[in-house]
Amino acid sequence: MDKKFALSATDKKIAGVCGGIAEYFGMDSLLVRILFVVLLLGGSLGFWAYILLWILAPKNK
């Protein structure tokens, strides 16, 4: 299994984090974006998770 998480270069609105997660798990990026919004509205977990992934994840080439 050579699948690695990376920021999406094609499916991105801000930084490609949600698109990268969706590509990694083989799901629709809209569902991932909705999950991040729910986490953001429920507290700051969604915001900090997004920022950390944006900074730490490699960019997809």
N, C-alpha and C. Protein backbone atom coordinates (compact mmCIF):
# COMPACT_ATOMS: atom_id res chain seq x y z
N MET A 1 0.84 -1.18 0.00
CA MET A 1 0.00 0.00 0.00
C MET A 1 0.89 1.24 0.00
N ASP A 2 1.01 1.90 -1.14
CA ASP A 2 1.86 3.08 -1.28
C ASP A 2 1.08 4.37 -1.25
N LYS A 3 -0.12 4.34 -0.72
CA LYS A 3 -0.96 5.52 -0.67
C LYS A 3 -0.46 6.44 0.45
N LYS A 4 -0.19 7.72 0.09
CA LYS A 4 0.25 8.70 1.08
C LYS A 4 -0.63 9.93 0.98
N PHE A 5 -0.87 10.55 2.13
CA PHE A 5 -1.69 11.76 2.14
C PHE A 5 -0.86 12.94 1.65
N ALA A 6 -1.49 13.76 0.81
CA ALA A 6 -0.88 14.99 0.32
C ALA A 6 -2.00 15.98 0.01
N LEU A 7 -1.68 17.25 0.04
CA LEU A 7 -2.64 18.27 -0.32
C LEU A 7 -3.01 18.12 -1.79
N SER A 8 -4.27 18.28 -2.10
CA SER A 8 -4.73 18.13 -3.48
C SER A 8 -4.33 19.34 -4.31
N ALA A 9 -3.84 19.09 -5.49
CA ALA A 9 -3.48 20.18 -6.40
C ALA A 9 -4.65 20.55 -7.31
N THR A 10 -5.62 19.64 -7.45
CA THR A 10 -6.72 19.88 -8.37
C THR A 10 -8.05 20.16 -7.67
N ASP A 11 -8.30 19.54 -6.54
CA ASP A 11 -9.56 19.68 -5.83
C ASP A 11 -9.34 20.50 -4.57
N LYS A 12 -9.23 21.82 -4.75
CA LYS A 12 -8.99 22.67 -3.60
C LYS A 12 -9.80 23.94 -3.68
N LYS A 13 -10.21 24.42 -2.53
CA LYS A 13 -10.91 25.70 -2.41
C LYS A 13 -9.99 26.71 -1.73
N ILE A 14 -9.30 26.29 -0.68
CA ILE A 14 -8.36 27.17 0.03
C ILE A 14 -6.94 26.62 -0.10
N ALA A 15 -6.70 25.47 0.48
CA ALA A 15 -5.34 24.93 0.47
C ALA A 15 -5.24 23.50 -0.06
N GLY A 16 -6.36 22.83 -0.28
CA GLY A 16 -6.33 21.46 -0.77
C GLY A 16 -6.37 20.41 0.31
N VAL A 17 -6.60 20.82 1.55
CA VAL A 17 -6.62 19.86 2.66
C VAL A 17 -7.80 18.90 2.52
N CYS A 18 -9.00 19.42 2.36
CA CYS A 18 -10.19 18.57 2.25
C CYS A 18 -10.13 17.71 0.99
N GLY A 19 -9.66 18.28 -0.11
CA GLY A 19 -9.51 17.51 -1.33
C GLY A 19 -8.50 16.39 -1.17
N GLY A 20 -7.41 16.64 -0.47
CA GLY A 20 -6.40 15.62 -0.21
C GLY A 20 -6.93 14.49 0.66
N ILE A 21 -7.70 14.85 1.69
CA ILE A 21 -8.31 13.84 2.56
C ILE A 21 -9.30 12.99 1.76
N ALA A 22 -10.10 13.65 0.93
CA ALA A 22 -11.07 12.93 0.11
C ALA A 22 -10.38 11.99 -0.88
N GLU A 23 -9.31 12.43 -1.50
CA GLU A 23 -8.56 11.57 -2.43
C GLU A 23 -7.95 10.39 -1.69
N TYR A 24 -7.42 10.63 -0.50
CA TYR A 24 -6.77 9.57 0.27
C TYR A 24 -7.76 8.48 0.66
N PHE A 25 -8.96 8.89 1.12
CA PHE A 25 -9.94 7.91 1.56
C PHE A 25 -10.91 7.49 0.47
N GLY A 26 -10.81 8.07 -0.73
CA GLY A 26 -11.66 7.69 -1.84
C GLY A 26 -13.12 8.10 -1.64
N MET A 27 -13.32 9.30 -1.13
CA MET A 27 -14.68 9.78 -0.90
C MET A 27 -14.88 11.15 -1.53
N ASP A 28 -16.10 11.65 -1.47
CA ASP A 28 -16.43 12.94 -2.05
C ASP A 28 -15.87 14.06 -1.18
N SER A 29 -15.23 15.04 -1.80
CA SER A 29 -14.63 16.14 -1.03
C SER A 29 -15.67 17.02 -0.36
N LEU A 30 -16.89 17.05 -0.89
CA LEU A 30 -17.95 17.84 -0.26
C LEU A 30 -18.26 17.31 1.14
N LEU A 31 -18.26 15.99 1.30
CA LEU A 31 -18.50 15.40 2.62
C LEU A 31 -17.41 15.79 3.61
N VAL A 32 -16.18 15.82 3.16
CA VAL A 32 -15.06 16.20 4.03
C VAL A 32 -15.18 17.67 4.40
N ARG A 33 -15.56 18.52 3.45
CA ARG A 33 -15.74 19.95 3.73
C ARG A 33 -16.86 20.18 4.74
N ILE A 34 -17.95 19.44 4.59
CA ILE A 34 -19.05 19.55 5.54
C ILE A 34 -18.60 19.12 6.94
N LEU A 35 -17.82 18.06 7.02
CA LEU A 35 -17.30 17.61 8.32
C LEU A 35 -16.43 18.69 8.96
N PHE A 36 -15.57 19.34 8.18
CA PHE A 36 -14.74 20.41 8.73
C PHE A 36 -15.58 21.58 9.20
N VAL A 37 -16.64 21.91 8.49
CA VAL A 37 -17.52 23.01 8.91
C VAL A 37 -18.23 22.65 10.21
N VAL A 38 -18.69 21.41 10.33
CA VAL A 38 -19.35 20.96 11.56
C VAL A 38 -18.36 21.03 12.72
N LEU A 39 -17.12 20.57 12.50
CA LEU A 39 -16.12 20.65 13.56
C LEU A 39 -15.79 22.09 13.92
N LEU A 40 -15.78 22.96 12.93
CA LEU A 40 -15.51 24.37 13.17
C LEU A 40 -16.63 25.01 13.99
N LEU A 41 -17.87 24.70 13.67
CA LEU A 41 -19.00 25.26 14.40
C LEU A 41 -19.13 24.68 15.80
N GLY A 42 -18.65 23.45 15.99
CA GLY A 42 -18.72 22.79 17.29
C GLY A 42 -17.60 23.21 18.23
N GLY A 43 -16.68 23.97 17.78
CA GLY A 43 -15.51 24.39 18.56
C GLY A 43 -14.41 24.74 17.59
N SER A 44 -13.23 24.82 18.07
CA SER A 44 -12.13 25.23 17.20
C SER A 44 -11.32 24.05 16.66
N LEU A 45 -11.78 22.82 16.91
CA LEU A 45 -11.02 21.64 16.47
C LEU A 45 -10.86 21.61 14.95
N GLY A 46 -11.92 21.92 14.22
CA GLY A 46 -11.84 21.91 12.76
C GLY A 46 -10.84 22.92 12.24
N PHE A 47 -10.82 24.10 12.84
CA PHE A 47 -9.89 25.15 12.42
C PHE A 47 -8.45 24.72 12.64
N TRP A 48 -8.14 24.25 13.83
CA TRP A 48 -6.75 23.87 14.14
C TRP A 48 -6.31 22.64 13.36
N ALA A 49 -7.22 21.69 13.15
CA ALA A 49 -6.86 20.51 12.34
C ALA A 49 -6.54 20.93 10.91
N TYR A 50 -7.34 21.84 10.35
CA TYR A 50 -7.12 22.31 8.98
C TYR A 50 -5.78 23.04 8.88
N ILE A 51 -5.51 23.94 9.82
CA ILE A 51 -4.26 24.70 9.80
C ILE A 51 -3.05 23.78 9.93
N LEU A 52 -3.11 22.81 10.85
CA LEU A 52 -1.99 21.88 11.02
C LEU A 52 -1.75 21.04 9.78
N LEU A 53 -2.83 20.54 9.18
CA LEU A 53 -2.66 19.75 7.95
C LEU A 53 -2.13 20.61 6.81
N TRP A 54 -2.57 21.84 6.73
CA TRP A 54 -2.11 22.76 5.69
C TRP A 54 -0.61 22.99 5.81
N ILE A 55 -0.12 23.14 7.03
CA ILE A 55 1.30 23.41 7.27
C ILE A 55 2.15 22.15 7.12
N LEU A 56 1.67 21.03 7.65
CA LEU A 56 2.51 19.84 7.74
C LEU A 56 2.44 18.89 6.54
N ALA A 57 1.33 18.89 5.83
CA ALA A 57 1.15 17.92 4.74
C ALA A 57 1.95 18.34 3.50
N PRO A 58 2.52 17.37 2.81
CA PRO A 58 3.23 17.69 1.57
C PRO A 58 2.24 18.04 0.47
N LYS A 59 2.71 18.79 -0.50
CA LYS A 59 1.88 19.17 -1.64
C LYS A 59 1.91 18.04 -2.67
N ASN A 60 0.76 17.76 -3.26
CA ASN A 60 0.66 16.74 -4.30
C ASN A 60 1.20 17.32 -5.60
N LYS A 61 2.03 16.57 -6.29
CA LYS A 61 2.64 17.07 -7.53
C LYS A 61 1.85 16.68 -8.73
